[in-house]
Amino acid sequence: MTPPVTSEETPHITAIERSMNVGFRFVNLRAPDGGAVEAIYAERWTPQGAVETYTLRGMTEAIAARFRAEDYPEGDPLWETTGTVAEVITALLELPPHGAPGAPSTARHASSSLWVPGAR
């Protein structure tokens, strides 16, 4: 039986559910031996030509990024942030659509904390 969600977990689960509702797809990233899930990776390809991703290792350890589709996964992100699950998903979902006024448009060197499966 799954334990009940705590009040501390609620905003993070709500943010994940919001991302699911707007098209994010998920992969569980397991330990090298195939055992425990070490992180959850999510991505969505937007109709405007961007790929948005986030990786979660715990409620307080998350990173999100947006890439140009043609630069993904090897290129540098247009935008990235770290923080709690709720913070990074909320910030990602609040970005203007790729190519719209105010949207990030210049690739920047990825931080050392950014990790995309299959890249680098």
PDB file of N, CA and C in Angstrom:
ATOM      1  N   MET A   1       0.833  -1.172   0.000  1.00  0.00           N
ATOM      2  CA  MET A   1       0.000   0.000   0.000  1.00  0.00           C
ATOM      3  C   MET A   1       0.890   1.253   0.000  1.00  0.00           C
ATOM      4  N   THR A   2       0.523   2.234  -0.797  1.00  0.00           N
ATOM      5  CA  THR A   2       1.275   3.478  -0.890  1.00  0.00           C
ATOM      6  C   THR A   2       0.961   4.354   0.318  1.00  0.00           C
ATOM      7  N   PRO A   3       2.004   4.898   0.956  1.00  0.00           N
ATOM      8  CA  PRO A   3       1.746   5.775   2.106  1.00  0.00           C
ATOM      9  C   PRO A   3       1.026   7.048   1.654  1.00  0.00           C
ATOM     10  N   PRO A   4       0.266   7.672   2.530  1.00  0.00           N
ATOM     11  CA  PRO A   4      -0.448   8.898   2.160  1.00  0.00           C
ATOM     12  C   PRO A   4       0.543  10.035   1.884  1.00  0.00           C
ATOM     13  N   VAL A   5       0.128  10.947   1.028  1.00  0.00           N
ATOM     14  CA  VAL A   5       0.937  12.116   0.686  1.00  0.00           C
ATOM     15  C   VAL A   5       0.932  13.070   1.865  1.00  0.00           C
ATOM     16  N   THR A   6       2.115  13.564   2.218  1.00  0.00           N
ATOM     17  CA  THR A   6       2.211  14.520   3.323  1.00  0.00           C
ATOM     18  C   THR A   6       1.989  15.932   2.809  1.00  0.00           C
ATOM     19  N   SER A   7       1.722  16.866   3.704  1.00  0.00           N
ATOM     20  CA  SER A   7       1.530  18.258   3.312  1.00  0.00           C
ATOM     21  C   SER A   7       2.811  18.838   2.712  1.00  0.00           C
ATOM     22  N   GLU A   8       3.959  18.325   3.126  1.00  0.00           N
ATOM     23  CA  GLU A   8       5.233  18.772   2.567  1.00  0.00           C
ATOM     24  C   GLU A   8       5.380  18.325   1.104  1.00  0.00           C
ATOM     25  N   GLU A   9       4.851  17.159   0.770  1.00  0.00           N
ATOM     26  CA  GLU A   9       4.964  16.620  -0.587  1.00  0.00           C
ATOM     27  C   GLU A   9       3.931  17.195  -1.555  1.00  0.00           C
ATOM     28  N   THR A  10       2.805  17.665  -1.041  1.00  0.00           N
ATOM     29  CA  THR A  10       1.685  18.091  -1.886  1.00  0.00           C
ATOM     30  C   THR A  10       2.054  19.085  -2.976  1.00  0.00           C
ATOM     31  N   PRO A  11       2.778  20.195  -2.700  1.00  0.00           N
ATOM     32  CA  PRO A  11       3.056  21.135  -3.798  1.00  0.00           C
ATOM     33  C   PRO A  11       3.937  20.530  -4.892  1.00  0.00           C
ATOM     34  N   HIS A  12       4.805  19.616  -4.526  1.00  0.00           N
ATOM     35  CA  HIS A  12       5.685  18.987  -5.504  1.00  0.00           C
ATOM     36  C   HIS A  12       4.906  18.016  -6.388  1.00  0.00           C
ATOM     37  N   ILE A  13       4.041  17.241  -5.790  1.00  0.00           N
ATOM     38  CA  ILE A  13       3.213  16.302  -6.552  1.00  0.00           C
ATOM     39  C   ILE A  13       2.252  17.063  -7.451  1.00  0.00           C
ATOM     40  N   THR A  14       1.686  18.149  -6.947  1.00  0.00           N
ATOM     41  CA  THR A  14       0.794  18.980  -7.753  1.00  0.00           C
ATOM     42  C   THR A  14       1.531  19.525  -8.977  1.00  0.00           C
ATOM     43  N   ALA A  15       2.763  19.990  -8.790  1.00  0.00           N
ATOM     44  CA  ALA A  15       3.559  20.510  -9.911  1.00  0.00           C
ATOM     45  C   ALA A  15       3.835  19.410 -10.938  1.00  0.00           C
ATOM     46  N   ILE A  16       4.179  18.216 -10.481  1.00  0.00           N
ATOM     47  CA  ILE A  16       4.415  17.095 -11.399  1.00  0.00           C
ATOM     48  C   ILE A  16       3.139  16.786 -12.177  1.00  0.00           C
ATOM     49  N   GLU A  17       2.011  16.765 -11.503  1.00  0.00           N
ATOM     50  CA  GLU A  17       0.736  16.503 -12.175  1.00  0.00           C
ATOM     51  C   GLU A  17       0.429  17.568 -13.222  1.00  0.00           C
ATOM     52  N   ARG A  18       0.715  18.844 -12.909  1.00  0.00           N
ATOM     53  CA  ARG A  18       0.515  19.928 -13.885  1.00  0.00           C
ATOM     54  C   ARG A  18       1.365  19.678 -15.120  1.00  0.00           C
ATOM     55  N   SER A  19       2.614  19.256 -14.909  1.00  0.00           N
ATOM     56  CA  SER A  19       3.498  19.009 -16.055  1.00  0.00           C
ATOM     57  C   SER A  19       2.982  17.832 -16.891  1.00  0.00           C
ATOM     58  N   MET A  20       2.447  16.820 -16.247  1.00  0.00           N
ATOM     59  CA  MET A  20       1.872  15.687 -16.972  1.00  0.00           C
ATOM     60  C   MET A  20       0.716  16.156 -17.845  1.00  0.00           C
ATOM     61  N   ASN A  21      -0.087  17.067 -17.309  1.00  0.00           N
ATOM     62  CA  ASN A  21      -1.257  17.562 -18.034  1.00  0.00           C
ATOM     63  C   ASN A  21      -0.908  18.404 -19.251  1.00  0.00           C
ATOM     64  N   VAL A  22       0.338  18.900 -19.327  1.00  0.00           N
ATOM     65  CA  VAL A  22       0.752  19.691 -20.487  1.00  0.00           C
ATOM     66  C   VAL A  22       1.746  18.931 -21.370  1.00  0.00           C
ATOM     67  N   GLY A  23       1.831  17.624 -21.199  1.00  0.00           N
ATOM     68  CA  GLY A  23       2.539  16.796 -22.155  1.00  0.00           C
ATOM     69  C   GLY A  23       3.917  16.285 -21.804  1.00  0.00           C
ATOM     70  N   PHE A  24       4.373  16.452 -20.571  1.00  0.00           N
ATOM     71  CA  PHE A  24       5.674  15.893 -20.207  1.00  0.00           C
ATOM     72  C   PHE A  24       5.578  14.375 -20.133  1.00  0.00           C
ATOM     73  N   ARG A  25       6.638  13.703 -20.603  1.00  0.00           N
ATOM     74  CA  ARG A  25       6.762  12.249 -20.551  1.00  0.00           C
ATOM     75  C   ARG A  25       7.925  11.923 -19.634  1.00  0.00           C
ATOM     76  N   PHE A  26       7.862  10.778 -18.967  1.00  0.00           N
ATOM     77  CA  PHE A  26       8.785  10.460 -17.877  1.00  0.00           C
ATOM     78  C   PHE A  26       9.582   9.189 -18.112  1.00  0.00           C
ATOM     79  N   VAL A  27      10.800   9.192 -17.539  1.00  0.00           N
ATOM     80  CA  VAL A  27      11.666   8.017 -17.531  1.00  0.00           C
ATOM     81  C   VAL A  27      12.240   7.914 -16.118  1.00  0.00           C
ATOM     82  N   ASN A  28      12.162   6.719 -15.537  1.00  0.00           N
ATOM     83  CA  ASN A  28      12.829   6.487 -14.252  1.00  0.00           C
ATOM     84  C   ASN A  28      14.270   6.119 -14.540  1.00  0.00           C
ATOM     85  N   LEU A  29      15.190   6.836 -13.925  1.00  0.00           N
ATOM     86  CA  LEU A  29      16.615   6.581 -14.113  1.00  0.00           C
ATOM     87  C   LEU A  29      17.101   5.735 -12.947  1.00  0.00           C
ATOM     88  N   ARG A  30      17.523   4.529 -13.260  1.00  0.00           N
ATOM     89  CA  ARG A  30      17.906   3.556 -12.232  1.00  0.00           C
ATOM     90  C   ARG A  30      19.413   3.539 -11.999  1.00  0.00           C
ATOM     91  N   ALA A  31      19.780   3.000 -10.866  1.00  0.00           N
ATOM     92  CA  ALA A  31      21.198   2.803 -10.535  1.00  0.00           C
ATOM     93  C   ALA A  31      21.839   1.940 -11.613  1.00  0.00           C
ATOM     94  N   PRO A  32      23.163   2.039 -11.779  1.00  0.00           N
ATOM     95  CA  PRO A  32      23.849   1.253 -12.811  1.00  0.00           C
ATOM     96  C   PRO A  32      23.562  -0.251 -12.745  1.00  0.00           C
ATOM     97  N   ASP A  33      23.287  -0.760 -11.564  1.00  0.00           N
ATOM     98  CA  ASP A  33      22.994  -2.189 -11.440  1.00  0.00           C
ATOM     99  C   ASP A  33      21.539  -2.509 -11.768  1.00  0.00           C
ATOM    100  N   GLY A  34      20.763  -1.486 -12.181  1.00  0.00           N
ATOM    101  CA  GLY A  34      19.361  -1.687 -12.534  1.00  0.00           C
ATOM    102  C   GLY A  34      18.434  -1.696 -11.344  1.00  0.00           C
ATOM    103  N   GLY A  35      18.938  -1.395 -10.179  1.00  0.00           N
ATOM    104  CA  GLY A  35      18.146  -1.439  -8.954  1.00  0.00           C
ATOM    105  C   GLY A  35      17.274  -0.218  -8.747  1.00  0.00           C
ATOM    106  N   ALA A  36      17.509   0.458  -7.662  1.00  0.00           N
ATOM    107  CA  ALA A  36      16.647   1.561  -7.217  1.00  0.00           C
ATOM    108  C   ALA A  36      16.613   2.717  -8.218  1.00  0.00           C
ATOM    109  N   VAL A  37      15.477   3.401  -8.252  1.00  0.00           N
ATOM    110  CA  VAL A  37      15.343   4.614  -9.053  1.00  0.00           C
ATOM    111  C   VAL A  37      16.152   5.711  -8.373  1.00  0.00           C
ATOM    112  N   GLU A  38      17.098   6.302  -9.121  1.00  0.00           N
ATOM    113  CA  GLU A  38      17.935   7.364  -8.582  1.00  0.00           C
ATOM    114  C   GLU A  38      17.398   8.742  -8.918  1.00  0.00           C
ATOM    115  N   ALA A  39      16.638   8.844 -10.011  1.00  0.00           N
ATOM    116  CA  ALA A  39      16.093  10.130 -10.437  1.00  0.00           C
ATOM    117  C   ALA A  39      14.927   9.887 -11.378  1.00  0.00           C
ATOM    118  N   ILE A  40      14.140  10.915 -11.552  1.00  0.00           N
ATOM    119  CA  ILE A  40      13.057  10.894 -12.534  1.00  0.00           C
ATOM    120  C   ILE A  40      13.370  11.986 -13.544  1.00  0.00           C
ATOM    121  N   TYR A  41      13.339  11.625 -14.817  1.00  0.00           N
ATOM    122  CA  TYR A  41      13.620  12.563 -15.896  1.00  0.00           C
ATOM    123  C   TYR A  41      12.332  12.762 -16.684  1.00  0.00           C
ATOM    124  N   ALA A  42      12.013  14.017 -17.024  1.00  0.00           N
ATOM    125  CA  ALA A  42      10.823  14.321 -17.813  1.00  0.00           C
ATOM    126  C   ALA A  42      11.203  15.267 -18.937  1.00  0.00           C
ATOM    127  N   GLU A  43      10.538  15.103 -20.089  1.00  0.00           N
ATOM    128  CA  GLU A  43      10.769  16.030 -21.198  1.00  0.00           C
ATOM    129  C   GLU A  43       9.503  16.173 -22.015  1.00  0.00           C
ATOM    130  N   ARG A  44       9.440  17.325 -22.714  1.00  0.00           N
ATOM    131  CA  ARG A  44       8.399  17.517 -23.718  1.00  0.00           C
ATOM    132  C   ARG A  44       8.993  18.330 -24.857  1.00  0.00           C
ATOM    133  N   TRP A  45       8.548  17.993 -26.053  1.00  0.00           N
ATOM    134  CA  TRP A  45       8.931  18.702 -27.268  1.00  0.00           C
ATOM    135  C   TRP A  45       7.778  19.645 -27.584  1.00  0.00           C
ATOM    136  N   THR A  46       8.074  20.931 -27.704  1.00  0.00           N
ATOM    137  CA  THR A  46       7.016  21.912 -27.935  1.00  0.00           C
ATOM    138  C   THR A  46       6.810  22.132 -29.431  1.00  0.00           C
ATOM    139  N   PRO A  47       5.615  22.551 -29.826  1.00  0.00           N
ATOM    140  CA  PRO A  47       5.374  22.836 -31.244  1.00  0.00           C
ATOM    141  C   PRO A  47       6.190  24.031 -31.752  1.00  0.00           C
ATOM    142  N   GLN A  48       6.704  24.856 -30.843  1.00  0.00           N
ATOM    143  CA  GLN A  48       7.487  26.032 -31.216  1.00  0.00           C
ATOM    144  C   GLN A  48       8.961  25.705 -31.465  1.00  0.00           C
ATOM    145  N   GLY A  49       9.369  24.448 -31.311  1.00  0.00           N
ATOM    146  CA  GLY A  49      10.740  24.062 -31.621  1.00  0.00           C
ATOM    147  C   GLY A  49      11.685  24.038 -30.434  1.00  0.00           C
ATOM    148  N   ALA A  50      11.168  23.780 -29.255  1.00  0.00           N
ATOM    149  CA  ALA A  50      12.008  23.685 -28.064  1.00  0.00           C
ATOM    150  C   ALA A  50      11.775  22.331 -27.389  1.00  0.00           C
ATOM    151  N   VAL A  51      12.763  21.937 -26.599  1.00  0.00           N
ATOM    152  CA  VAL A  51      12.632  20.757 -25.746  1.00  0.00           C
ATOM    153  C   VAL A  51      12.802  21.250 -24.318  1.00  0.00           C
ATOM    154  N   GLU A  52      11.832  20.931 -23.480  1.00  0.00           N
ATOM    155  CA  GLU A  52      11.872  21.315 -22.068  1.00  0.00           C
ATOM    156  C   GLU A  52      12.057  20.053 -21.247  1.00  0.00           C
ATOM    157  N   THR A  53      12.949  20.133 -20.271  1.00  0.00           N
ATOM    158  CA  THR A  53      13.276  18.952 -19.477  1.00  0.00           C
ATOM    159  C   THR A  53      13.349  19.307 -18.000  1.00  0.00           C
ATOM    160  N   TYR A  54      13.141  18.294 -17.175  1.00  0.00           N
ATOM    161  CA  TYR A  54      13.506  18.423 -15.767  1.00  0.00           C
ATOM    162  C   TYR A  54      13.905  17.066 -15.225  1.00  0.00           C
ATOM    163  N   THR A  55      14.792  17.130 -14.230  1.00  0.00           N
ATOM    164  CA  THR A  55      15.271  15.934 -13.560  1.00  0.00           C
ATOM    165  C   THR A  55      15.086  16.127 -12.064  1.00  0.00           C
ATOM    166  N   LEU A  56      14.508  15.122 -11.417  1.00  0.00           N
ATOM    167  CA  LEU A  56      14.219  15.176  -9.987  1.00  0.00           C
ATOM    168  C   LEU A  56      14.977  14.077  -9.270  1.00  0.00           C
ATOM    169  N   ARG A  57      15.706  14.450  -8.237  1.00  0.00           N
ATOM    170  CA  ARG A  57      16.397  13.452  -7.405  1.00  0.00           C
ATOM    171  C   ARG A  57      15.789  13.395  -6.013  1.00  0.00           C
ATOM    172  N   GLY A  58      14.998  14.370  -5.667  1.00  0.00           N
ATOM    173  CA  GLY A  58      14.332  14.456  -4.375  1.00  0.00           C
ATOM    174  C   GLY A  58      13.522  15.741  -4.348  1.00  0.00           C
ATOM    175  N   MET A  59      12.712  15.919  -3.326  1.00  0.00           N
ATOM    176  CA  MET A  59      11.855  17.107  -3.266  1.00  0.00           C
ATOM    177  C   MET A  59      12.637  18.408  -3.343  1.00  0.00           C
ATOM    178  N   THR A  60      13.855  18.414  -2.819  1.00  0.00           N
ATOM    179  CA  THR A  60      14.638  19.647  -2.784  1.00  0.00           C
ATOM    180  C   THR A  60      15.797  19.645  -3.780  1.00  0.00           C
ATOM    181  N   GLU A  61      15.855  18.659  -4.651  1.00  0.00           N
ATOM    182  CA  GLU A  61      16.958  18.550  -5.599  1.00  0.00           C
ATOM    183  C   GLU A  61      16.410  18.302  -7.001  1.00  0.00           C
ATOM    184  N   ALA A  62      16.212  19.415  -7.730  1.00  0.00           N
ATOM    185  CA  ALA A  62      15.647  19.327  -9.068  1.00  0.00           C
ATOM    186  C   ALA A  62      16.307  20.356  -9.977  1.00  0.00           C
ATOM    187  N   ILE A  63      16.299  20.072 -11.268  1.00  0.00           N
ATOM    188  CA  ILE A  63      16.831  20.992 -12.263  1.00  0.00           C
ATOM    189  C   ILE A  63      15.936  20.947 -13.488  1.00  0.00           C
ATOM    190  N   ALA A  64      15.711  22.115 -14.102  1.00  0.00           N
ATOM    191  CA  ALA A  64      14.906  22.210 -15.310  1.00  0.00           C
ATOM    192  C   ALA A  64      15.678  23.004 -16.347  1.00  0.00           C
ATOM    193  N   ALA A  65      15.391  22.744 -17.622  1.00  0.00           N
ATOM    194  CA  ALA A  65      16.070  23.449 -18.704  1.00  0.00           C
ATOM    195  C   ALA A  65      15.189  23.485 -19.945  1.00  0.00           C
ATOM    196  N   ARG A  66      15.471  24.475 -20.793  1.00  0.00           N
ATOM    197  CA  ARG A  66      14.866  24.547 -22.128  1.00  0.00           C
ATOM    198  C   ARG A  66      16.002  24.611 -23.145  1.00  0.00           C
ATOM    199  N   PHE A  67      15.856  23.835 -24.215  1.00  0.00           N
ATOM    200  CA  PHE A  67      16.820  23.778 -25.304  1.00  0.00           C
ATOM    201  C   PHE A  67      16.111  24.079 -26.620  1.00  0.00           C
ATOM    202  N   ARG A  68      16.845  24.580 -27.602  1.00  0.00           N
ATOM    203  CA  ARG A  68      16.340  24.572 -28.971  1.00  0.00           C
ATOM    204  C   ARG A  68      16.303  23.104 -29.398  1.00  0.00           C
ATOM    205  N   ALA A  69      15.254  22.700 -30.091  1.00  0.00           N
ATOM    206  CA  ALA A  69      15.132  21.295 -30.506  1.00  0.00           C
ATOM    207  C   ALA A  69      16.346  20.855 -31.310  1.00  0.00           C
ATOM    208  N   GLU A  70      16.866  21.720 -32.175  1.00  0.00           N
ATOM    209  CA  GLU A  70      18.006  21.332 -33.009  1.00  0.00           C
ATOM    210  C   GLU A  70      19.302  21.196 -32.214  1.00  0.00           C
ATOM    211  N   ASP A  71      19.353  21.739 -31.015  1.00  0.00           N
ATOM    212  CA  ASP A  71      20.547  21.644 -30.164  1.00  0.00           C
ATOM    213  C   ASP A  71      20.484  20.487 -29.169  1.00  0.00           C
ATOM    214  N   TYR A  72      19.328  19.863 -29.052  1.00  0.00           N
ATOM    215  CA  TYR A  72      19.099  18.863 -28.008  1.00  0.00           C
ATOM    216  C   TYR A  72      19.521  17.486 -28.477  1.00  0.00           C
ATOM    217  N   PRO A  73      20.196  16.677 -27.705  1.00  0.00           N
ATOM    218  CA  PRO A  73      20.584  16.862 -26.312  1.00  0.00           C
ATOM    219  C   PRO A  73      22.017  17.361 -26.120  1.00  0.00           C
ATOM    220  N   GLU A  74      22.769  17.507 -27.202  1.00  0.00           N
ATOM    221  CA  GLU A  74      24.193  17.825 -27.066  1.00  0.00           C
ATOM    222  C   GLU A  74      24.486  19.301 -26.823  1.00  0.00           C
ATOM    223  N   GLY A  75      23.582  20.188 -27.193  1.00  0.00           N
ATOM    224  CA  GLY A  75      23.849  21.619 -27.112  1.00  0.00           C
ATOM    225  C   GLY A  75      23.622  22.197 -25.732  1.00  0.00           C
ATOM    226  N   ASP A  76      23.879  23.482 -25.634  1.00  0.00           N
ATOM    227  CA  ASP A  76      23.684  24.198 -24.378  1.00  0.00           C
ATOM    228  C   ASP A  76      22.245  24.685 -24.264  1.00  0.00           C
ATOM    229  N   PRO A  77      21.742  24.821 -23.044  1.00  0.00           N
ATOM    230  CA  PRO A  77      20.359  25.252 -22.851  1.00  0.00           C
ATOM    231  C   PRO A  77      20.175  26.744 -23.108  1.00  0.00           C
ATOM    232  N   LEU A  78      18.941  27.105 -23.419  1.00  0.00           N
ATOM    233  CA  LEU A  78      18.549  28.507 -23.502  1.00  0.00           C
ATOM    234  C   LEU A  78      18.270  29.060 -22.110  1.00  0.00           C
ATOM    235  N   TRP A  79      17.878  28.176 -21.223  1.00  0.00           N
ATOM    236  CA  TRP A  79      17.458  28.562 -19.868  1.00  0.00           C
ATOM    237  C   TRP A  79      17.610  27.344 -18.976  1.00  0.00           C
ATOM    238  N   GLU A  80      17.935  27.576 -17.713  1.00  0.00           N
ATOM    239  CA  GLU A  80      17.947  26.488 -16.729  1.00  0.00           C
ATOM    240  C   GLU A  80      17.807  27.068 -15.330  1.00  0.00           C
ATOM    241  N   THR A  81      17.337  26.234 -14.423  1.00  0.00           N
ATOM    242  CA  THR A  81      17.214  26.629 -13.028  1.00  0.00           C
ATOM    243  C   THR A  81      17.285  25.391 -12.149  1.00  0.00           C
ATOM    244  N   THR A  82      17.644  25.595 -10.896  1.00  0.00           N
ATOM    245  CA  THR A  82      17.661  24.517  -9.912  1.00  0.00           C
ATOM    246  C   THR A  82      16.849  24.951  -8.705  1.00  0.00           C
ATOM    247  N   GLY A  83      16.416  23.976  -7.927  1.00  0.00           N
ATOM    248  CA  GLY A  83      15.660  24.264  -6.709  1.00  0.00           C
ATOM    249  C   GLY A  83      14.832  23.069  -6.317  1.00  0.00           C
ATOM    250  N   THR A  84      13.725  23.341  -5.660  1.00  0.00           N
ATOM    251  CA  THR A  84      12.813  22.261  -5.290  1.00  0.00           C
ATOM    252  C   THR A  84      12.028  21.823  -6.521  1.00  0.00           C
ATOM    253  N   VAL A  85      11.394  20.683  -6.422  1.00  0.00           N
ATOM    254  CA  VAL A  85      10.570  20.183  -7.520  1.00  0.00           C
ATOM    255  C   VAL A  85       9.523  21.224  -7.905  1.00  0.00           C
ATOM    256  N   ALA A  86       8.777  21.722  -6.939  1.00  0.00           N
ATOM    257  CA  ALA A  86       7.717  22.696  -7.227  1.00  0.00           C
ATOM    258  C   ALA A  86       8.288  23.968  -7.854  1.00  0.00           C
ATOM    259  N   GLU A  87       9.429  24.440  -7.363  1.00  0.00           N
ATOM    260  CA  GLU A  87      10.023  25.674  -7.896  1.00  0.00           C
ATOM    261  C   GLU A  87      10.444  25.523  -9.355  1.00  0.00           C
ATOM    262  N   VAL A  88      11.159  24.444  -9.684  1.00  0.00           N
ATOM    263  CA  VAL A  88      11.684  24.324 -11.045  1.00  0.00           C
ATOM    264  C   VAL A  88      10.578  24.050 -12.056  1.00  0.00           C
ATOM    265  N   ILE A  89       9.602  23.229 -11.696  1.00  0.00           N
ATOM    266  CA  ILE A  89       8.506  22.958 -12.629  1.00  0.00           C
ATOM    267  C   ILE A  89       7.673  24.212 -12.831  1.00  0.00           C
ATOM    268  N   THR A  90       7.375  24.925 -11.769  1.00  0.00           N
ATOM    269  CA  THR A  90       6.603  26.163 -11.887  1.00  0.00           C
ATOM    270  C   THR A  90       7.330  27.171 -12.766  1.00  0.00           C
ATOM    271  N   ALA A  91       8.627  27.360 -12.536  1.00  0.00           N
ATOM    272  CA  ALA A  91       9.401  28.304 -13.344  1.00  0.00           C
ATOM    273  C   ALA A  91       9.410  27.889 -14.817  1.00  0.00           C
ATOM    274  N   LEU A  92       9.582  26.609 -15.087  1.00  0.00           N
ATOM    275  CA  LEU A  92       9.596  26.118 -16.462  1.00  0.00           C
ATOM    276  C   LEU A  92       8.249  26.354 -17.140  1.00  0.00           C
ATOM    277  N   LEU A  93       7.178  26.030 -16.447  1.00  0.00           N
ATOM    278  CA  LEU A  93       5.844  26.189 -17.032  1.00  0.00           C
ATOM    279  C   LEU A  93       5.442  27.653 -17.191  1.00  0.00           C
ATOM    280  N   GLU A  94       6.078  28.556 -16.468  1.00  0.00           N
ATOM    281  CA  GLU A  94       5.774  29.987 -16.577  1.00  0.00           C
ATOM    282  C   GLU A  94       6.567  30.689 -17.679  1.00  0.00           C
ATOM    283  N   LEU A  95       7.548  30.016 -18.278  1.00  0.00           N
ATOM    284  CA  LEU A  95       8.309  30.642 -19.366  1.00  0.00           C
ATOM    285  C   LEU A  95       7.384  30.958 -20.537  1.00  0.00           C
ATOM    286  N   PRO A  96       7.618  32.100 -21.202  1.00  0.00           N
ATOM    287  CA  PRO A  96       6.870  32.341 -22.440  1.00  0.00           C
ATOM    288  C   PRO A  96       7.215  31.254 -23.455  1.00  0.00           C
ATOM    289  N   PRO A  97       6.302  30.945 -24.376  1.00  0.00           N
ATOM    290  CA  PRO A  97       6.604  29.930 -25.389  1.00  0.00           C
ATOM    291  C   PRO A  97       7.877  30.288 -26.155  1.00  0.00           C
ATOM    292  N   HIS A  98       8.599  29.271 -26.570  1.00  0.00           N
ATOM    293  CA  HIS A  98       9.830  29.460 -27.342  1.00  0.00           C
ATOM    294  C   HIS A  98       9.539  30.337 -28.555  1.00  0.00           C
ATOM    295  N   GLY A  99      10.350  31.387 -28.734  1.00  0.00           N
ATOM    296  CA  GLY A  99      10.184  32.304 -29.856  1.00  0.00           C
ATOM    297  C   GLY A  99       9.282  33.490 -29.573  1.00  0.00           C
ATOM    298  N   ALA A 100       8.539  33.456 -28.467  1.00  0.00           N
ATOM    299  CA  ALA A 100       7.646  34.568 -28.106  1.00  0.00           C
ATOM    300  C   ALA A 100       8.455  35.682 -27.441  1.00  0.00           C
ATOM    301  N   PRO A 101       7.938  36.901 -27.453  1.00  0.00           N
ATOM    302  CA  PRO A 101       8.627  37.980 -26.740  1.00  0.00           C
ATOM    303  C   PRO A 101       8.858  37.603 -25.274  1.00  0.00           C
ATOM    304  N   GLY A 102      10.059  37.862 -24.805  1.00  0.00           N
ATOM    305  CA  GLY A 102      10.407  37.571 -23.418  1.00  0.00           C
ATOM    306  C   GLY A 102      10.915  36.165 -23.171  1.00  0.00           C
ATOM    307  N   ALA A 103      10.822  35.290 -24.171  1.00  0.00           N
ATOM    308  CA  ALA A 103      11.323  33.919 -24.007  1.00  0.00           C
ATOM    309  C   ALA A 103      12.840  33.924 -24.131  1.00  0.00           C
ATOM    310  N   PRO A 104      13.526  33.053 -23.387  1.00  0.00           N
ATOM    311  CA  PRO A 104      14.976  32.970 -23.534  1.00  0.00           C
ATOM    312  C   PRO A 104      15.327  32.569 -24.964  1.00  0.00           C
ATOM    313  N   SER A 105      16.348  33.237 -25.535  1.00  0.00           N
ATOM    314  CA  SER A 105      16.666  32.976 -26.938  1.00  0.00           C
ATOM    315  C   SER A 105      18.147  32.750 -27.207  1.00  0.00           C
ATOM    316  N   THR A 106      18.995  32.970 -26.230  1.00  0.00           N
ATOM    317  CA  THR A 106      20.431  32.809 -26.412  1.00  0.00           C
ATOM    318  C   THR A 106      20.916  31.614 -25.601  1.00  0.00           C
ATOM    319  N   ALA A 107      21.551  30.664 -26.301  1.00  0.00           N
ATOM    320  CA  ALA A 107      22.094  29.500 -25.597  1.00  0.00           C
ATOM    321  C   ALA A 107      23.188  29.949 -24.642  1.00  0.00           C
ATOM    322  N   ARG A 108      23.238  29.315 -23.500  1.00  0.00           N
ATOM    323  CA  ARG A 108      24.241  29.622 -22.484  1.00  0.00           C
ATOM    324  C   ARG A 108      24.915  28.332 -22.093  1.00  0.00           C
ATOM    325  N   HIS A 109      26.133  28.437 -21.644  1.00  0.00           N
ATOM    326  CA  HIS A 109      26.862  27.239 -21.230  1.00  0.00           C
ATOM    327  C   HIS A 109      26.094  26.551 -20.097  1.00  0.00           C
ATOM    328  N   ALA A 110      25.901  25.270 -20.236  1.00  0.00           N
ATOM    329  CA  ALA A 110      25.180  24.499 -19.216  1.00  0.00           C
ATOM    330  C   ALA A 110      25.974  24.497 -17.916  1.00  0.00           C
ATOM    331  N   SER A 111      25.255  24.598 -16.810  1.00  0.00           N
ATOM    332  CA  SER A 111      25.924  24.512 -15.510  1.00  0.00           C
ATOM    333  C   SER A 111      26.406  23.080 -15.287  1.00  0.00           C
ATOM    334  N   SER A 112      27.323  22.924 -14.370  1.00  0.00           N
ATOM    335  CA  SER A 112      27.834  21.577 -14.088  1.00  0.00           C
ATOM    336  C   SER A 112      26.773  20.705 -13.429  1.00  0.00           C
ATOM    337  N   SER A 113      25.678  21.307 -12.954  1.00  0.00           N
ATOM    338  CA  SER A 113      24.634  20.512 -12.307  1.00  0.00           C
ATOM    339  C   SER A 113      23.612  19.983 -13.312  1.00  0.00           C
ATOM    340  N   LEU A 114      23.653  20.480 -14.562  1.00  0.00           N
ATOM    341  CA  LEU A 114      22.689  20.032 -15.557  1.00  0.00           C
ATOM    342  C   LEU A 114      23.127  18.701 -16.133  1.00  0.00           C
ATOM    343  N   TRP A 115      22.236  17.735 -16.095  1.00  0.00           N
ATOM    344  CA  TRP A 115      22.531  16.418 -16.630  1.00  0.00           C
ATOM    345  C   TRP A 115      21.343  15.950 -17.452  1.00  0.00           C
ATOM    346  N   VAL A 116      21.591  15.626 -18.690  1.00  0.00           N
ATOM    347  CA  VAL A 116      20.556  15.117 -19.582  1.00  0.00           C
ATOM    348  C   VAL A 116      20.940  13.700 -19.970  1.00  0.00           C
ATOM    349  N   PRO A 117      20.050  12.734 -19.830  1.00  0.00           N
ATOM    350  CA  PRO A 117      20.385  11.359 -20.201  1.00  0.00           C
ATOM    351  C   PRO A 117      20.904  11.287 -21.623  1.00  0.00           C
ATOM    352  N   GLY A 118      22.005  10.567 -21.817  1.00  0.00           N
ATOM    353  CA  GLY A 118      22.577  10.383 -23.139  1.00  0.00           C
ATOM    354  C   GLY A 118      23.470  11.507 -23.596  1.00  0.00           C
ATOM    355  N   ALA A 119      23.554  12.582 -22.832  1.00  0.00           N
ATOM    356  CA  ALA A 119      24.372  13.727 -23.230  1.00  0.00           C
ATOM    357  C   ALA A 119      25.604  13.842 -22.346  1.00  0.00           C
ATOM    358  N   ARG A 120      26.625  14.432 -22.917  1.00  0.00           N
ATOM    359  CA  ARG A 120      27.878  14.744 -22.237  1.00  0.00           C
ATOM    360  C   ARG A 120      28.499  13.508 -21.658  1.00  0.00           C
TER     361      ARG A 120
END
